[in-house]
Amino acid sequence: MFMHARQRGLSLVEVMIGITIALILTLGLMVLIMGTSRSYQSQDDFARLQENGMTALSYIGDSIRHAGFYGIGNAATTVDAAASGVSTVVDCGSAGNPPLANWAFDTIVPMVGFTGLTPATVNATLPCVLATNFQTGQLQVLAVRLATGERLADPNADGNLTDAAFVAGRVYVQGNASGAILFRGSDYGTLRAGGVHRTLFGGADAPIFEYQAHMYYVRPCSRTATPPGCLATDDDGRPVPTLVRQELAGVNMVERPLVQGVERVNFLYGLDADGNGVPDRFTATPVGVEWTTVVVVRVSVLVRDTRASIGHNDTGKRYDLDGDGVSDFNCTANVDCAFRRRVFTQNFQVRNVAQRRGG
């Protein structure tokens, strides 16, 4: 009688089959992980697009809502900068954009837009904007003059604001029914002692707000390696277009980056010809006194990802920012086509039209 030895372990064929099954399962798991990763990245990109778009609209909309707000004064024409001798050092006026001096304090014109600008022409109209810092194809700039919405607190609640928390070098506005003044915070004590300040009924100091001049446009880069101008080597050699704002820092106009990935900003102004508060038509180019009839500004921003998306191609897509059926932006270079894009639009009410008309 022969005794057969009990088989132990696996045969070569069984091992190969097991390895094949493990490889298939591993491959499936890798495909699942890669798909989940791409889905997460896509959702994250869209979330960033929406966040950047809403942030850009929020910055611009806040300025529009405050345009022409100069405290509790009743007319823009009565704002007096000469009373305190305040003036700007680095300004943005020119022969094509008067006044040449103290442009930032031209309170009679709280809001004005410029169109048809290019990197080659923008500096002649707005000297505070460098040609290298103006995005090709942007065309439009919006300038707004305003007081910020937060009033200075009265520390002792005694109606005397000489001890308010003024920031050295900054410009403020104080107004009442008879008009308003602009002044440096450090000068308020002297102005008040000379009776130049504004008061409320009963003698208390009128509310004081920080004064600002804002100007919005798009520049070609986010971080300038060699300020102040943008270079092709900025942002690690792949410049990120960015919404920027020129604003007063003390008495100088300076450029502040606000939101990355903004490639275009478009402004349409709603004109109210009959005074009922409702726009009768929208235009990108109000003329002369039409600026005093602007009651709504329609702002559209074209926002792209701050990083390229693998496998994405924007070729053939057209983006219409002003709703006229004509493309305002389309992908023309391979490096640009790898980014996801979206247009965001919102209407903002101009709340201080009555003051400007009163002037």
Protein backbone atom coordinates (compact mmCIF):
# COMPACT_ATOMS: atom_id res chain seq x y z
CA MET A 1 0.00 0.00 0.00
CA PHE A 2 1.27 3.39 -0.98
CA MET A 3 0.77 6.44 1.27
CA HIS A 4 0.33 9.77 -0.58
CA ALA A 5 1.89 12.75 1.27
CA ARG A 6 -0.58 15.49 2.19
CA GLN A 7 -0.15 18.55 -0.05
CA ARG A 8 1.05 21.65 1.78
CA GLY A 9 1.12 25.41 0.56
CA LEU A 10 -0.08 26.68 -2.79
CA SER A 11 0.76 25.67 -6.25
CA LEU A 12 2.42 28.10 -8.64
CA VAL A 13 -0.80 28.49 -10.58
CA GLU A 14 -2.75 29.38 -7.46
CA VAL A 15 -0.13 31.94 -6.45
CA MET A 16 -0.27 33.56 -9.88
CA ILE A 17 -4.06 33.69 -9.77
CA GLY A 18 -3.97 35.28 -6.30
CA ILE A 19 -1.43 37.90 -7.42
CA THR A 20 -3.55 38.71 -10.48
CA ILE A 21 -6.67 39.18 -8.35
CA ALA A 22 -4.73 41.39 -5.90
CA LEU A 23 -3.40 43.53 -8.75
CA ILE A 24 -6.89 43.97 -10.18
CA LEU A 25 -8.25 44.98 -6.77
CA THR A 26 -5.32 47.35 -6.19
CA LEU A 27 -5.80 48.92 -9.62
CA GLY A 28 -9.50 49.38 -8.95
CA LEU A 29 -8.73 50.97 -5.60
CA MET A 30 -6.21 53.33 -7.21
CA VAL A 31 -8.71 54.34 -9.90
CA LEU A 32 -11.30 55.00 -7.19
CA ILE A 33 -8.85 57.12 -5.17
CA MET A 34 -7.79 59.08 -8.25
CA GLY A 35 -11.40 59.71 -9.23
CA THR A 36 -12.24 60.86 -5.72
CA SER A 37 -9.18 63.11 -5.68
CA ARG A 38 -10.10 64.70 -9.04
CA SER A 39 -13.68 65.18 -7.87
CA TYR A 40 -12.47 66.82 -4.66
CA GLN A 41 -10.08 69.08 -6.57
CA SER A 42 -12.84 70.07 -9.01
CA GLN A 43 -15.24 70.90 -6.17
CA ASP A 44 -12.49 72.78 -4.35
CA ASP A 45 -11.69 74.78 -7.50
CA PHE A 46 -15.34 75.74 -7.98
CA ALA A 47 -15.61 76.70 -4.31
CA ARG A 48 -12.54 78.95 -4.67
CA LEU A 49 -13.98 80.47 -7.84
CA GLN A 50 -17.22 81.31 -6.07
CA GLU A 51 -15.46 82.63 -2.98
CA ASN A 52 -13.17 84.88 -5.03
CA GLY A 53 -16.04 86.10 -7.21
CA MET A 54 -18.22 86.98 -4.23
CA THR A 55 -15.30 88.63 -2.43
CA ALA A 56 -14.50 90.80 -5.45
CA LEU A 57 -18.14 91.88 -5.75
CA SER A 58 -18.26 92.60 -2.02
CA TYR A 59 -15.28 94.97 -2.15
CA ILE A 60 -16.58 96.88 -5.16
CA GLY A 61 -20.19 96.90 -3.99
CA ASP A 62 -19.31 98.30 -0.57
CA SER A 63 -17.56 101.26 -2.21
CA ILE A 64 -20.47 101.87 -4.59
CA ARG A 65 -23.00 101.89 -1.75
CA HIS A 66 -20.92 104.48 0.10
CA ALA A 67 -20.19 106.67 -2.94
CA GLY A 68 -21.00 110.29 -2.08
CA PHE A 69 -21.41 109.57 1.63
CA TYR A 70 -19.53 112.31 3.48
CA GLY A 71 -20.96 112.04 6.98
CA ILE A 72 -24.27 113.76 7.57
CA GLY A 73 -23.61 116.68 5.20
CA ASN A 74 -26.47 117.33 2.80
CA ALA A 75 -24.61 118.00 -0.46
CA ALA A 76 -21.33 116.92 -1.98
CA THR A 77 -20.51 120.41 -3.23
CA THR A 78 -20.27 121.77 0.32
CA VAL A 79 -17.37 119.51 1.33
CA ASP A 80 -14.47 121.86 2.03
CA ALA A 81 -10.88 120.60 1.89
CA ALA A 82 -9.37 124.09 1.73
CA ALA A 83 -10.49 124.96 5.26
CA SER A 84 -7.86 122.63 6.72
CA GLY A 85 -5.34 122.83 3.87
CA VAL A 86 -5.36 119.07 3.31
CA SER A 87 -3.87 117.96 -0.02
CA THR A 88 -2.61 114.80 -1.62
CA VAL A 89 1.07 114.15 -2.29
CA VAL A 90 0.80 111.19 -4.70
CA ASP A 91 -2.38 111.88 -6.68
CA CYS A 92 -4.13 110.47 -9.75
CA GLY A 93 -5.26 113.51 -11.74
CA SER A 94 -4.02 114.43 -15.20
CA ALA A 95 -4.82 116.66 -18.16
CA GLY A 96 -7.19 113.94 -19.34
CA ASN A 97 -8.64 113.46 -15.88
CA PRO A 98 -8.90 116.81 -14.08
CA PRO A 99 -8.36 118.24 -11.58
CA LEU A 100 -4.60 117.94 -11.86
CA ALA A 101 -4.12 118.47 -8.11
CA ASN A 102 -6.07 116.97 -5.19
CA TRP A 103 -7.87 114.52 -7.47
CA ALA A 104 -8.63 112.29 -4.50
CA PHE A 105 -10.53 115.14 -2.82
CA ASP A 106 -12.75 116.04 -5.80
CA THR A 107 -15.87 115.32 -3.73
CA ILE A 108 -18.23 116.99 -6.22
CA VAL A 109 -17.76 113.86 -8.36
CA PRO A 110 -18.21 110.95 -5.93
CA MET A 111 -18.23 108.30 -8.66
CA VAL A 112 -16.83 108.26 -12.18
CA GLY A 113 -15.80 105.53 -14.59
CA PHE A 114 -13.21 105.35 -17.34
CA THR A 115 -13.38 103.11 -20.40
CA GLY A 116 -11.32 102.39 -23.48
CA LEU A 117 -8.07 102.31 -21.47
CA THR A 118 -5.08 100.15 -22.38
CA PRO A 119 -1.67 99.60 -20.76
CA ALA A 120 -0.29 102.10 -23.27
CA THR A 121 -2.80 104.86 -22.42
CA VAL A 122 -3.84 104.34 -18.80
CA ASN A 123 -0.94 106.23 -17.22
CA ALA A 124 -1.63 109.39 -19.23
CA THR A 125 -5.19 109.48 -17.86
CA LEU A 126 -4.52 108.07 -14.39
CA PRO A 127 -0.88 108.75 -13.42
CA CYS A 128 -1.08 106.61 -10.28
CA VAL A 129 -1.63 103.47 -12.44
CA LEU A 130 1.49 101.96 -14.01
CA ALA A 131 1.27 100.64 -17.56
CA THR A 132 2.77 97.31 -16.42
CA ASN A 133 0.10 97.03 -13.71
CA PHE A 134 -2.90 97.33 -16.01
CA GLN A 135 -4.26 94.09 -17.46
CA THR A 136 -4.45 93.98 -21.26
CA GLY A 137 -8.10 93.86 -22.31
CA GLN A 138 -9.46 95.28 -19.03
CA LEU A 139 -10.48 98.66 -20.57
CA GLN A 140 -12.48 99.97 -17.57
CA VAL A 141 -11.64 101.65 -14.25
CA LEU A 142 -14.09 102.74 -11.53
CA ALA A 143 -13.24 105.61 -9.15
CA VAL A 144 -15.28 106.28 -6.01
CA ARG A 145 -14.98 108.91 -3.29
CA LEU A 146 -16.60 108.21 0.06
CA ALA A 147 -16.46 108.13 3.81
CA THR A 148 -16.19 104.76 5.48
CA GLY A 149 -19.27 103.52 7.29
CA GLU A 150 -17.78 103.39 10.80
CA ARG A 151 -17.80 106.64 12.77
CA LEU A 152 -15.17 107.54 15.34
CA ALA A 153 -16.26 106.85 18.88
CA ASP A 154 -16.55 109.59 21.51
CA PRO A 155 -14.39 108.19 24.37
CA ASN A 156 -15.91 110.36 27.10
CA ALA A 157 -19.38 110.77 25.60
CA ASP A 158 -19.05 114.50 26.16
CA GLY A 159 -19.61 115.64 22.57
CA ASN A 160 -15.96 116.72 22.20
CA LEU A 161 -14.12 114.52 19.68
CA THR A 162 -10.63 115.96 20.09
CA ASP A 163 -9.78 112.84 22.10
CA ALA A 164 -11.14 110.42 19.48
CA ALA A 165 -8.83 107.68 18.16
CA PHE A 166 -7.47 109.48 15.09
CA VAL A 167 -4.80 107.60 13.13
CA ALA A 168 -1.81 109.78 12.37
CA GLY A 169 -1.66 110.95 8.77
CA ARG A 170 -5.13 109.76 7.76
CA VAL A 171 -7.80 112.06 6.35
CA TYR A 172 -11.24 112.40 7.91
CA VAL A 173 -14.54 114.07 7.05
CA GLN A 174 -17.00 115.78 9.40
CA GLY A 175 -20.31 117.15 8.20
CA ASN A 176 -23.64 118.60 9.25
CA ALA A 177 -26.59 120.21 7.46
CA SER A 178 -24.48 123.23 6.49
CA GLY A 179 -21.65 121.27 4.89
CA ALA A 180 -18.56 119.20 5.64
CA ILE A 181 -14.80 119.54 5.99
CA LEU A 182 -11.86 117.27 5.20
CA PHE A 183 -8.87 117.28 7.55
CA ARG A 184 -5.97 115.28 8.89
CA GLY A 185 -6.70 113.69 12.22
CA SER A 186 -3.76 115.46 13.84
CA ASP A 187 -5.27 118.85 12.90
CA TYR A 188 -8.70 118.40 14.46
CA GLY A 189 -7.85 120.01 17.79
CA THR A 190 -6.60 123.16 16.06
CA LEU A 191 -9.60 123.28 13.71
CA ARG A 192 -12.02 122.87 16.58
CA ALA A 193 -10.31 125.60 18.60
CA GLY A 194 -10.68 127.90 15.59
CA GLY A 195 -14.36 127.07 15.14
CA VAL A 196 -13.83 125.47 11.73
CA HIS A 197 -15.30 122.12 12.81
CA ARG A 198 -18.94 121.04 12.27
CA THR A 199 -21.45 120.65 15.11
CA LEU A 200 -24.87 119.16 15.69
CA PHE A 201 -27.92 120.97 17.01
CA GLY A 202 -27.07 121.57 20.66
CA GLY A 203 -23.34 122.13 20.10
CA ALA A 204 -21.92 118.60 20.17
CA ASP A 205 -19.31 117.70 17.55
CA ALA A 206 -20.81 116.22 14.40
CA PRO A 207 -19.89 112.58 13.61
CA ILE A 208 -16.45 112.00 12.08
CA PHE A 209 -15.63 109.30 9.51
CA GLU A 210 -12.44 108.30 7.75
CA TYR A 211 -12.35 109.64 4.18
CA GLN A 212 -11.34 107.44 1.25
CA ALA A 213 -10.86 107.51 -2.52
CA HIS A 214 -11.08 104.07 -4.16
CA MET A 215 -10.19 103.08 -7.70
CA TYR A 216 -10.73 99.53 -9.02
CA TYR A 217 -9.05 97.73 -11.93
CA VAL A 218 -7.21 94.49 -12.76
CA ARG A 219 -3.44 94.09 -12.82
CA PRO A 220 -1.60 91.17 -14.48
CA CYS A 221 0.07 89.74 -11.36
CA SER A 222 -0.66 89.03 -7.72
CA ARG A 223 2.75 89.39 -6.04
CA THR A 224 5.31 91.77 -7.53
CA ALA A 225 8.79 90.37 -7.01
CA THR A 226 10.33 93.77 -7.75
CA PRO A 227 7.69 96.37 -6.79
CA PRO A 228 5.94 98.35 -7.97
CA GLY A 229 5.59 96.94 -11.51
CA CYS A 230 4.38 93.49 -12.64
CA LEU A 231 6.81 91.27 -14.56
CA ALA A 232 6.35 88.07 -16.56
CA THR A 233 8.43 86.27 -13.91
CA ASP A 234 6.09 87.18 -11.05
CA ASP A 235 4.01 84.53 -9.26
CA ASP A 236 6.68 81.88 -10.00
CA GLY A 237 6.65 82.66 -13.70
CA ARG A 238 2.90 82.23 -14.12
CA PRO A 239 1.36 85.62 -13.26
CA VAL A 240 -2.05 85.51 -11.60
CA PRO A 241 -4.38 88.38 -12.64
CA THR A 242 -5.63 90.17 -9.56
CA LEU A 243 -8.30 92.72 -8.66
CA VAL A 244 -6.54 95.72 -7.11
CA ARG A 245 -7.64 98.99 -5.57
CA GLN A 246 -5.89 102.31 -5.46
CA GLU A 247 -6.74 103.91 -2.13
CA LEU A 248 -5.65 106.69 0.18
CA ALA A 249 -2.96 105.76 2.68
CA GLY A 250 -2.72 108.99 4.58
CA VAL A 251 -2.54 111.51 1.74
CA ASN A 252 -0.97 109.19 -0.87
CA MET A 253 -2.71 106.96 -3.39
CA VAL A 254 -1.31 103.41 -3.11
CA GLU A 255 -2.14 100.14 -4.87
CA ARG A 256 -3.58 97.27 -2.80
CA PRO A 257 -4.10 93.73 -4.18
CA LEU A 258 -7.55 92.43 -3.19
CA VAL A 259 -8.62 89.20 -4.94
CA GLN A 260 -6.53 86.75 -6.98
CA GLY A 261 -7.78 85.22 -10.20
CA VAL A 262 -9.93 88.15 -11.37
CA GLU A 263 -9.24 88.53 -15.12
CA ARG A 264 -11.84 91.14 -16.06
CA VAL A 265 -14.19 93.61 -14.36
CA ASN A 266 -17.05 95.24 -16.25
CA PHE A 267 -19.20 98.17 -15.11
CA LEU A 268 -22.60 99.19 -16.48
CA TYR A 269 -24.25 102.28 -15.02
CA GLY A 270 -28.04 102.50 -14.63
CA LEU A 271 -29.26 106.02 -15.41
CA ASP A 272 -32.48 107.41 -13.91
CA ALA A 273 -33.62 110.17 -16.26
CA ASP A 274 -37.06 110.82 -14.71
CA GLY A 275 -36.02 110.78 -11.03
CA ASN A 276 -38.18 107.85 -9.90
CA GLY A 277 -35.20 105.91 -8.54
CA VAL A 278 -35.40 103.20 -11.21
CA PRO A 279 -32.79 103.03 -14.00
CA ASP A 280 -34.20 103.74 -17.46
CA ARG A 281 -31.16 102.37 -19.29
CA PHE A 282 -27.69 100.99 -18.67
CA THR A 283 -24.54 102.28 -20.30
CA ALA A 284 -20.80 101.87 -19.87
CA THR A 285 -20.17 105.51 -20.81
CA PRO A 286 -22.27 108.10 -18.95
CA VAL A 287 -21.49 111.63 -20.11
CA GLY A 288 -21.19 114.80 -18.02
CA VAL A 289 -24.19 115.36 -15.75
CA GLU A 290 -25.42 111.80 -16.43
CA TRP A 291 -23.10 110.70 -13.63
CA THR A 292 -25.42 112.45 -11.16
CA THR A 293 -28.31 110.24 -12.36
CA VAL A 294 -26.58 106.89 -11.79
CA VAL A 295 -28.74 104.94 -9.33
CA VAL A 296 -27.46 101.39 -9.95
CA VAL A 297 -24.13 99.93 -11.01
CA ARG A 298 -24.09 96.46 -12.55
CA VAL A 299 -20.75 94.84 -11.80
CA SER A 300 -19.55 91.68 -13.56
CA VAL A 301 -16.29 89.90 -12.76
CA LEU A 302 -14.64 87.11 -14.72
CA VAL A 303 -12.78 84.90 -12.26
CA ARG A 304 -10.43 82.03 -13.03
CA ASP A 305 -8.74 79.39 -10.87
CA THR A 306 -5.47 80.44 -9.32
CA ARG A 307 -4.01 77.09 -10.45
CA ALA A 308 -4.32 75.19 -13.72
CA SER A 309 -6.63 72.17 -13.80
CA ILE A 310 -5.18 68.96 -15.25
CA GLY A 311 -7.11 67.91 -18.33
CA HIS A 312 -9.20 71.10 -18.49
CA ASN A 313 -9.30 73.05 -21.74
CA ASP A 314 -11.15 76.37 -22.07
CA THR A 315 -10.60 76.63 -25.81
CA GLY A 316 -13.73 77.68 -27.65
CA LYS A 317 -15.51 79.11 -24.63
CA ARG A 318 -16.72 82.71 -24.81
CA TYR A 319 -17.46 84.95 -21.82
CA ASP A 320 -19.93 87.84 -22.13
CA LEU A 321 -19.68 90.23 -19.17
CA ASP A 322 -22.02 93.02 -20.27
CA GLY A 323 -24.87 90.93 -21.65
CA ASP A 324 -24.74 92.32 -25.20
CA GLY A 325 -24.25 88.92 -26.80
CA VAL A 326 -20.68 89.72 -27.82
CA SER A 327 -17.77 87.88 -26.23
CA ASP A 328 -15.67 90.04 -23.92
CA PHE A 329 -13.11 87.32 -23.25
CA ASN A 330 -12.07 84.09 -24.90
CA CYS A 331 -9.10 81.79 -24.45
CA THR A 332 -6.36 82.62 -26.96
CA ALA A 333 -3.27 80.92 -25.55
CA ASN A 334 -2.69 77.36 -24.35
CA VAL A 335 -1.36 78.52 -20.99
CA ASP A 336 -4.63 80.38 -20.36
CA CYS A 337 -6.90 77.53 -21.45
CA ALA A 338 -6.00 75.24 -18.57
CA PHE A 339 -7.96 77.32 -16.04
CA ARG A 340 -11.62 77.02 -15.06
CA ARG A 341 -13.54 80.30 -15.30
CA ARG A 342 -16.87 81.76 -14.27
CA VAL A 343 -18.66 85.11 -14.55
CA PHE A 344 -20.34 86.64 -11.47
CA THR A 345 -22.74 89.59 -11.78
CA GLN A 346 -24.54 91.73 -9.21
CA ASN A 347 -26.40 95.06 -9.18
CA PHE A 348 -25.51 97.59 -6.49
CA GLN A 349 -27.70 100.51 -5.51
CA VAL A 350 -26.09 103.95 -5.34
CA ARG A 351 -27.57 105.16 -2.07
CA ASN A 352 -26.42 108.78 -1.96
CA VAL A 353 -27.85 110.07 -5.24
CA ALA A 354 -30.07 112.60 -3.44
CA GLN A 355 -27.04 114.34 -1.92
CA ARG A 356 -25.32 114.62 -5.29
CA ARG A 357 -28.46 116.01 -6.96
CA GLY A 358 -28.88 118.44 -4.09
CA GLY A 359 -25.44 119.76 -4.94
